[in-house]
PDB file of N, CA and C in Angstrom:
ATOM      1  N   MET A   1     118.565  59.758  96.949  1.00  0.00           N
ATOM      2  CA  MET A   1     118.864  60.019  95.739  1.00  0.00           C
ATOM      3  C   MET A   1     118.767  61.537  95.506  1.00  0.00           C
ATOM      4  N   ALA A   2     119.878  62.482  95.090  1.00  0.00           N
ATOM      5  CA  ALA A   2     119.885  63.791  95.012  1.00  0.00           C
ATOM      6  C   ALA A   2     119.018  64.009  93.899  1.00  0.00           C
ATOM      7  N   GLU A   3     118.419  65.473  94.057  1.00  0.00           N
ATOM      8  CA  GLU A   3     117.287  66.063  93.053  1.00  0.00           C
ATOM      9  C   GLU A   3     118.431  66.838  91.862  1.00  0.00           C
ATOM     10  N   ASN A   4     117.803  66.892  91.006  1.00  0.00           N
ATOM     11  CA  ASN A   4     118.835  67.790  89.774  1.00  0.00           C
ATOM     12  C   ASN A   4     118.173  69.225  89.603  1.00  0.00           C
ATOM     13  N   HIS A   5     119.030  70.117  89.135  1.00  0.00           N
ATOM     14  CA  HIS A   5     118.430  71.357  88.812  1.00  0.00           C
ATOM     15  C   HIS A   5     117.028  71.392  88.521  1.00  0.00           C
ATOM     16  N   ALA A   6     116.461  70.681  87.559  1.00  0.00           N
ATOM     17  CA  ALA A   6     115.228  70.918  87.031  1.00  0.00           C
ATOM     18  C   ALA A   6     114.029  70.711  87.746  1.00  0.00           C
ATOM     19  N   GLU A   7     114.322  69.266  88.831  1.00  0.00           N
ATOM     20  CA  GLU A   7     113.670  68.984  90.009  1.00  0.00           C
ATOM     21  C   GLU A   7     113.184  69.943  90.885  1.00  0.00           C
ATOM     22  N   LYS A   8     114.401  70.875  91.377  1.00  0.00           N
ATOM     23  CA  LYS A   8     114.654  71.377  92.308  1.00  0.00           C
ATOM     24  C   LYS A   8     113.496  72.936  91.791  1.00  0.00           C
ATOM     25  N   ARG A   9     113.702  73.114  90.483  1.00  0.00           N
ATOM     26  CA  ARG A   9     112.986  74.285  89.883  1.00  0.00           C
ATOM     27  C   ARG A   9     111.395  73.917  90.072  1.00  0.00           C
ATOM     28  N   ILE A  10     111.047  72.656  89.677  1.00  0.00           N
ATOM     29  CA  ILE A  10     109.821  72.279  89.330  1.00  0.00           C
ATOM     30  C   ILE A  10     109.114  72.378  90.742  1.00  0.00           C
ATOM     31  N   ILE A  11     109.695  71.978  91.793  1.00  0.00           N
ATOM     32  CA  ILE A  11     109.281  72.010  93.417  1.00  0.00           C
ATOM     33  C   ILE A  11     109.037  73.406  93.766  1.00  0.00           C
ATOM     34  N   GLU A  12     110.048  73.978  93.615  1.00  0.00           N
ATOM     35  CA  GLU A  12     109.898  75.455  94.019  1.00  0.00           C
ATOM     36  C   GLU A  12     108.931  76.210  93.224  1.00  0.00           C
ATOM     37  N   LEU A  13     108.250  75.858  92.043  1.00  0.00           N
ATOM     38  CA  LEU A  13     107.586  76.411  91.447  1.00  0.00           C
ATOM     39  C   LEU A  13     105.838  76.170  91.910  1.00  0.00           C
ATOM     40  N   LEU A  14     105.768  74.709  92.004  1.00  0.00           N
ATOM     41  CA  LEU A  14     104.715  74.144  92.623  1.00  0.00           C
ATOM     42  C   LEU A  14     104.533  74.501  94.220  1.00  0.00           C
ATOM     43  N   GLU A  15     105.521  74.879  94.956  1.00  0.00           N
ATOM     44  CA  GLU A  15     104.969  75.315  96.283  1.00  0.00           C
ATOM     45  C   GLU A  15     104.720  76.693  96.182  1.00  0.00           C
ATOM     46  N   LYS A  16     105.005  77.457  95.166  1.00  0.00           N
ATOM     47  CA  LYS A  16     104.131  78.926  94.934  1.00  0.00           C
ATOM     48  C   LYS A  16     102.905  78.690  94.687  1.00  0.00           C
ATOM     49  N   SER A  17     102.599  77.571  94.135  1.00  0.00           N
ATOM     50  CA  SER A  17     101.511  77.524  93.460  1.00  0.00           C
ATOM     51  C   SER A  17     100.440  76.156  94.005  1.00  0.00           C
ATOM     52  N   PRO A  18     100.024  76.431  95.337  1.00  0.00           N
ATOM     53  CA  PRO A  18      99.379  75.414  96.101  1.00  0.00           C
ATOM     54  C   PRO A  18      98.073  75.023  95.458  1.00  0.00           C
ATOM     55  N   GLU A  19      97.419  75.707  94.673  1.00  0.00           N
ATOM     56  CA  GLU A  19      96.035  75.079  94.065  1.00  0.00           C
ATOM     57  C   GLU A  19      96.694  74.099  92.879  1.00  0.00           C
ATOM     58  N   GLY A  20      97.767  73.978  92.289  1.00  0.00           N
ATOM     59  CA  GLY A  20      98.347  73.263  91.323  1.00  0.00           C
ATOM     60  C   GLY A  20      98.503  73.706  90.029  1.00  0.00           C
ATOM     61  N   LEU A  21      99.348  73.142  89.369  1.00  0.00           N
ATOM     62  CA  LEU A  21      99.597  73.541  87.954  1.00  0.00           C
ATOM     63  C   LEU A  21      99.604  72.663  87.200  1.00  0.00           C
ATOM     64  N   GLN A  22      99.250  72.396  85.689  1.00  0.00           N
ATOM     65  CA  GLN A  22      99.061  71.675  84.920  1.00  0.00           C
ATOM     66  C   GLN A  22     100.347  71.555  84.384  1.00  0.00           C
ATOM     67  N   SER A  23     101.062  70.635  83.396  1.00  0.00           N
ATOM     68  CA  SER A  23     102.369  70.335  83.196  1.00  0.00           C
ATOM     69  C   SER A  23     102.723  71.308  82.050  1.00  0.00           C
ATOM     70  N   GLU A  24     101.696  71.857  81.291  1.00  0.00           N
ATOM     71  CA  GLU A  24     102.028  72.590  79.979  1.00  0.00           C
ATOM     72  C   GLU A  24     102.324  73.900  80.765  1.00  0.00           C
ATOM     73  N   GLU A  25     101.675  74.457  81.983  1.00  0.00           N
ATOM     74  CA  GLU A  25     101.993  75.491  82.597  1.00  0.00           C
ATOM     75  C   GLU A  25     103.604  75.620  83.497  1.00  0.00           C
ATOM     76  N   ILE A  26     103.793  74.652  83.705  1.00  0.00           N
ATOM     77  CA  ILE A  26     105.177  74.040  84.455  1.00  0.00           C
ATOM     78  C   ILE A  26     106.104  74.595  83.370  1.00  0.00           C
ATOM     79  N   ALA A  27     105.816  73.759  82.151  1.00  0.00           N
ATOM     80  CA  ALA A  27     107.015  73.780  81.195  1.00  0.00           C
ATOM     81  C   ALA A  27     107.016  75.698  80.711  1.00  0.00           C
ATOM     82  N   ALA A  28     105.927  76.117  80.482  1.00  0.00           N
ATOM     83  CA  ALA A  28     106.099  77.515  80.236  1.00  0.00           C
ATOM     84  C   ALA A  28     106.549  78.414  81.105  1.00  0.00           C
ATOM     85  N   ASN A  29     106.796  78.148  82.590  1.00  0.00           N
ATOM     86  CA  ASN A  29     106.949  79.110  83.537  1.00  0.00           C
ATOM     87  C   ASN A  29     108.617  78.684  83.506  1.00  0.00           C
ATOM     88  N   LEU A  30     109.045  77.441  83.430  1.00  0.00           N
ATOM     89  CA  LEU A  30     110.548  77.087  83.513  1.00  0.00           C
ATOM     90  C   LEU A  30     111.280  77.281  82.273  1.00  0.00           C
ATOM     91  N   GLY A  31     110.563  77.346  81.090  1.00  0.00           N
ATOM     92  CA  GLY A  31     111.233  77.463  79.740  1.00  0.00           C
ATOM     93  C   GLY A  31     111.760  75.922  79.393  1.00  0.00           C
ATOM     94  N   LEU A  32     111.165  75.027  79.669  1.00  0.00           N
ATOM     95  CA  LEU A  32     111.444  73.704  79.111  1.00  0.00           C
ATOM     96  C   LEU A  32     110.007  73.268  78.424  1.00  0.00           C
ATOM     97  N   THR A  33     110.631  71.985  77.829  1.00  0.00           N
ATOM     98  CA  THR A  33     109.341  71.450  76.885  1.00  0.00           C
ATOM     99  C   THR A  33     108.627  70.438  77.761  1.00  0.00           C
ATOM    100  N   ARG A  34     107.262  70.339  77.354  1.00  0.00           N
ATOM    101  CA  ARG A  34     106.350  69.676  77.845  1.00  0.00           C
ATOM    102  C   ARG A  34     106.897  68.078  78.195  1.00  0.00           C
ATOM    103  N   HIS A  35     107.468  67.434  77.172  1.00  0.00           N
ATOM    104  CA  HIS A  35     107.857  66.114  77.442  1.00  0.00           C
ATOM    105  C   HIS A  35     108.849  66.033  78.304  1.00  0.00           C
ATOM    106  N   THR A  36     109.967  67.240  78.502  1.00  0.00           N
ATOM    107  CA  THR A  36     110.826  67.243  79.626  1.00  0.00           C
ATOM    108  C   THR A  36     110.545  66.971  81.049  1.00  0.00           C
ATOM    109  N   VAL A  37     109.272  68.020  81.190  1.00  0.00           N
ATOM    110  CA  VAL A  37     108.667  68.303  82.437  1.00  0.00           C
ATOM    111  C   VAL A  37     107.784  66.989  82.826  1.00  0.00           C
ATOM    112  N   ALA A  38     107.263  66.535  82.033  1.00  0.00           N
ATOM    113  CA  ALA A  38     106.429  65.376  82.238  1.00  0.00           C
ATOM    114  C   ALA A  38     107.553  64.089  82.627  1.00  0.00           C
ATOM    115  N   LYS A  39     108.630  64.175  82.121  1.00  0.00           N
ATOM    116  CA  LYS A  39     109.189  63.005  82.765  1.00  0.00           C
ATOM    117  C   LYS A  39     109.652  63.185  84.368  1.00  0.00           C
ATOM    118  N   TYR A  40     109.971  64.772  84.486  1.00  0.00           N
ATOM    119  CA  TYR A  40     110.655  64.960  85.587  1.00  0.00           C
ATOM    120  C   TYR A  40     109.604  64.856  86.742  1.00  0.00           C
ATOM    121  N   LEU A  41     108.081  65.089  86.428  1.00  0.00           N
ATOM    122  CA  LEU A  41     106.947  65.047  87.278  1.00  0.00           C
ATOM    123  C   LEU A  41     106.892  63.578  87.628  1.00  0.00           C
ATOM    124  N   GLU A  42     107.141  62.720  86.701  1.00  0.00           N
ATOM    125  CA  GLU A  42     106.933  61.236  86.884  1.00  0.00           C
ATOM    126  C   GLU A  42     107.914  60.784  88.032  1.00  0.00           C
ATOM    127  N   VAL A  43     109.181  61.496  87.669  1.00  0.00           N
ATOM    128  CA  VAL A  43     110.599  61.034  88.634  1.00  0.00           C
ATOM    129  C   VAL A  43     109.851  61.667  90.003  1.00  0.00           C
ATOM    130  N   LEU A  44     109.532  62.716  90.203  1.00  0.00           N
ATOM    131  CA  LEU A  44     109.381  63.318  91.367  1.00  0.00           C
ATOM    132  C   LEU A  44     108.017  62.585  92.028  1.00  0.00           C
ATOM    133  N   ARG A  45     107.130  62.211  91.435  1.00  0.00           N
ATOM    134  CA  ARG A  45     106.055  61.205  92.055  1.00  0.00           C
ATOM    135  C   ARG A  45     106.598  60.061  92.715  1.00  0.00           C
ATOM    136  N   ALA A  46     107.231  59.253  91.811  1.00  0.00           N
ATOM    137  CA  ALA A  46     108.001  57.982  92.400  1.00  0.00           C
ATOM    138  C   ALA A  46     108.953  58.230  93.623  1.00  0.00           C
ATOM    139  N   LYS A  47     109.453  59.502  93.815  1.00  0.00           N
ATOM    140  CA  LYS A  47     110.198  59.770  95.025  1.00  0.00           C
ATOM    141  C   LYS A  47     109.363  60.331  95.999  1.00  0.00           C
ATOM    142  N   ASN A  48     107.712  60.328  95.941  1.00  0.00           N
ATOM    143  CA  ASN A  48     106.913  60.688  96.628  1.00  0.00           C
ATOM    144  C   ASN A  48     107.196  62.328  97.062  1.00  0.00           C
ATOM    145  N   LYS A  49     107.586  63.097  96.166  1.00  0.00           N
ATOM    146  CA  LYS A  49     107.694  64.446  96.510  1.00  0.00           C
ATOM    147  C   LYS A  49     106.408  65.320  96.015  1.00  0.00           C
ATOM    148  N   ILE A  50     105.708  64.818  94.993  1.00  0.00           N
ATOM    149  CA  ILE A  50     104.603  65.438  94.228  1.00  0.00           C
ATOM    150  C   ILE A  50     103.357  64.388  93.951  1.00  0.00           C
ATOM    151  N   HIS A  51     102.302  64.840  93.902  1.00  0.00           N
ATOM    152  CA  HIS A  51     101.214  64.092  93.329  1.00  0.00           C
ATOM    153  C   HIS A  51     100.439  65.358  92.580  1.00  0.00           C
ATOM    154  N   TYR A  52      99.326  64.507  91.988  1.00  0.00           N
ATOM    155  CA  TYR A  52      98.261  65.209  91.124  1.00  0.00           C
ATOM    156  C   TYR A  52      97.111  64.834  91.659  1.00  0.00           C
ATOM    157  N   ARG A  53      95.933  65.621  91.149  1.00  0.00           N
ATOM    158  CA  ARG A  53      94.594  65.693  91.253  1.00  0.00           C
ATOM    159  C   ARG A  53      94.279  65.741  89.691  1.00  0.00           C
ATOM    160  N   LYS A  54      93.211  64.798  89.493  1.00  0.00           N
ATOM    161  CA  LYS A  54      92.678  64.752  88.126  1.00  0.00           C
ATOM    162  C   LYS A  54      91.349  65.672  88.272  1.00  0.00           C
ATOM    163  N   VAL A  55      91.460  66.503  87.443  1.00  0.00           N
ATOM    164  CA  VAL A  55      90.224  67.516  86.861  1.00  0.00           C
ATOM    165  C   VAL A  55      89.758  67.224  85.472  1.00  0.00           C
ATOM    166  N   GLY A  56      88.947  66.543  85.182  1.00  0.00           N
ATOM    167  CA  GLY A  56      88.423  65.985  83.838  1.00  0.00           C
ATOM    168  C   GLY A  56      89.440  65.136  83.259  1.00  0.00           C
ATOM    169  N   ARG A  57      90.217  65.845  82.274  1.00  0.00           N
ATOM    170  CA  ARG A  57      91.247  65.188  81.636  1.00  0.00           C
ATOM    171  C   ARG A  57      92.678  65.460  81.850  1.00  0.00           C
ATOM    172  N   THR A  58      92.519  66.573  82.852  1.00  0.00           N
ATOM    173  CA  THR A  58      93.726  67.332  83.413  1.00  0.00           C
ATOM    174  C   THR A  58      94.409  66.961  84.682  1.00  0.00           C
ATOM    175  N   LYS A  59      95.488  66.899  84.711  1.00  0.00           N
ATOM    176  CA  LYS A  59      96.281  66.655  85.754  1.00  0.00           C
ATOM    177  C   LYS A  59      97.029  67.919  86.434  1.00  0.00           C
ATOM    178  N   LEU A  60      96.405  68.348  87.426  1.00  0.00           N
ATOM    179  CA  LEU A  60      96.872  69.528  88.469  1.00  0.00           C
ATOM    180  C   LEU A  60      98.049  69.265  89.376  1.00  0.00           C
ATOM    181  N   TRP A  61      99.191  69.071  89.376  1.00  0.00           N
ATOM    182  CA  TRP A  61     100.137  68.905  90.008  1.00  0.00           C
ATOM    183  C   TRP A  61     100.602  69.778  91.165  1.00  0.00           C
ATOM    184  N   LYS A  62     100.727  69.086  92.555  1.00  0.00           N
ATOM    185  CA  LYS A  62     101.116  69.744  93.623  1.00  0.00           C
ATOM    186  C   LYS A  62     101.885  69.182  94.401  1.00  0.00           C
ATOM    187  N   THR A  63     102.839  69.833  95.291  1.00  0.00           N
ATOM    188  CA  THR A  63     103.750  69.225  96.366  1.00  0.00           C
ATOM    189  C   THR A  63     102.960  68.309  97.134  1.00  0.00           C
ATOM    190  N   LEU A  64     103.612  67.333  97.851  1.00  0.00           N
ATOM    191  CA  LEU A  64     102.779  66.376  98.555  1.00  0.00           C
ATOM    192  C   LEU A  64     102.125  67.174  99.630  1.00  0.00           C
ATOM    193  N   PHE A  65     102.501  68.019 100.110  1.00  0.00           N
ATOM    194  CA  PHE A  65     102.253  68.478 101.466  1.00  0.00           C
ATOM    195  C   PHE A  65     101.247  69.932 101.199  1.00  0.00           C
ATOM    196  N   ALA A  66     100.933  70.150 100.061  1.00  0.00           N
ATOM    197  CA  ALA A  66     100.274  71.477  99.577  1.00  0.00           C
ATOM    198  C   ALA A  66      98.860  71.714 100.346  1.00  0.00           C
ATOM    199  N   ASP A  67      98.230  70.495 100.572  1.00  0.00           N
ATOM    200  CA  ASP A  67      96.722  70.487 101.131  1.00  0.00           C
ATOM    201  C   ASP A  67      96.880  70.296 102.734  1.00  0.00           C
ATOM    202  N   ILE A  68      97.971  70.731 103.270  1.00  0.00           N
ATOM    203  CA  ILE A  68      98.449  70.273 104.961  1.00  0.00           C
ATOM    204  C   ILE A  68      98.071  71.807 105.175  1.00  0.00           C
ATOM    205  N   HIS A  69      97.288  71.981 106.313  1.00  0.00           N
ATOM    206  CA  HIS A  69      97.113  73.253 106.959  1.00  0.00           C
ATOM    207  C   HIS A  69      97.615  73.259 108.416  1.00  0.00           C
ATOM    208  N   ILE A  70      98.505  73.874 109.054  1.00  0.00           N
ATOM    209  CA  ILE A  70      98.908  73.402 110.050  1.00  0.00           C
ATOM    210  C   ILE A  70      98.223  74.895 110.812  1.00  0.00           C
ATOM    211  N   ARG A  71      97.485  74.579 111.989  1.00  0.00           N
ATOM    212  CA  ARG A  71      97.093  75.810 113.035  1.00  0.00           C
ATOM    213  C   ARG A  71      97.281  75.230 114.628  1.00  0.00           C
ATOM    214  N   PRO A  72      97.392  76.385 115.300  1.00  0.00           N
ATOM    215  CA  PRO A  72      97.514  76.273 116.593  1.00  0.00           C
ATOM    216  C   PRO A  72      96.652  75.497 117.213  1.00  0.00           C
ATOM    217  N   LEU A  73      96.661  74.442 118.601  1.00  0.00           N
ATOM    218  CA  LEU A  73      95.667  73.975 119.065  1.00  0.00           C
ATOM    219  C   LEU A  73      94.953  75.212 119.899  1.00  0.00           C
ATOM    220  N   GLU A  74      93.739  74.460 120.038  1.00  0.00           N
ATOM    221  CA  GLU A  74      92.746  75.590 120.913  1.00  0.00           C
ATOM    222  C   GLU A  74      92.231  74.625 121.879  1.00  0.00           C
ATOM    223  N   LYS A  75      91.864  75.373 122.632  1.00  0.00           N
ATOM    224  CA  LYS A  75      91.004  74.539 123.977  1.00  0.00           C
ATOM    225  C   LYS A  75      89.702  73.578 123.431  1.00  0.00           C
ATOM    226  N   GLY A  76      89.921  72.671 124.021  1.00  0.00           N
ATOM    227  CA  GLY A  76      89.230  71.697 123.494  1.00  0.00           C
ATOM    228  C   GLY A  76      89.540  70.696 122.629  1.00  0.00           C
ATOM    229  N   ASP A  77      90.700  71.079 121.861  1.00  0.00           N
ATOM    230  CA  ASP A  77      91.106  70.149 120.698  1.00  0.00           C
ATOM    231  C   ASP A  77      91.824  68.766 121.401  1.00  0.00           C
ATOM    232  N   VAL A  78      92.275  68.814 122.617  1.00  0.00           N
ATOM    233  CA  VAL A  78      92.811  67.689 123.296  1.00  0.00           C
ATOM    234  C   VAL A  78      92.253  67.279 124.242  1.00  0.00           C
ATOM    235  N   ASP A  79      92.076  66.171 124.934  1.00  0.00           N
ATOM    236  CA  ASP A  79      91.537  65.605 126.209  1.00  0.00           C
ATOM    237  C   ASP A  79      92.505  65.583 127.456  1.00  0.00           C
ATOM    238  N   THR A  80      92.194  66.323 128.666  1.00  0.00           N
ATOM    239  CA  THR A  80      93.170  66.221 129.428  1.00  0.00           C
ATOM    240  C   THR A  80      92.605  65.439 130.504  1.00  0.00           C
TER     241      THR A  80
END
């Protein structure tokens, strides 16, 4: 299923914020209502594009792979 323009903008914004953003922050940055953003966040979550982490009563939204860090292999990482 193709992403629409709002979904792409949300993903692009979240990719620039690896620590995560609240829905209110996303709405303010994109000039959308909080209700509209909440709808798209749930759509993107259902598509496994994003996830959230609860901090108290707040949800911090992130791209699915925001917490993954790739590093080069070092000697001793792999048995030979």
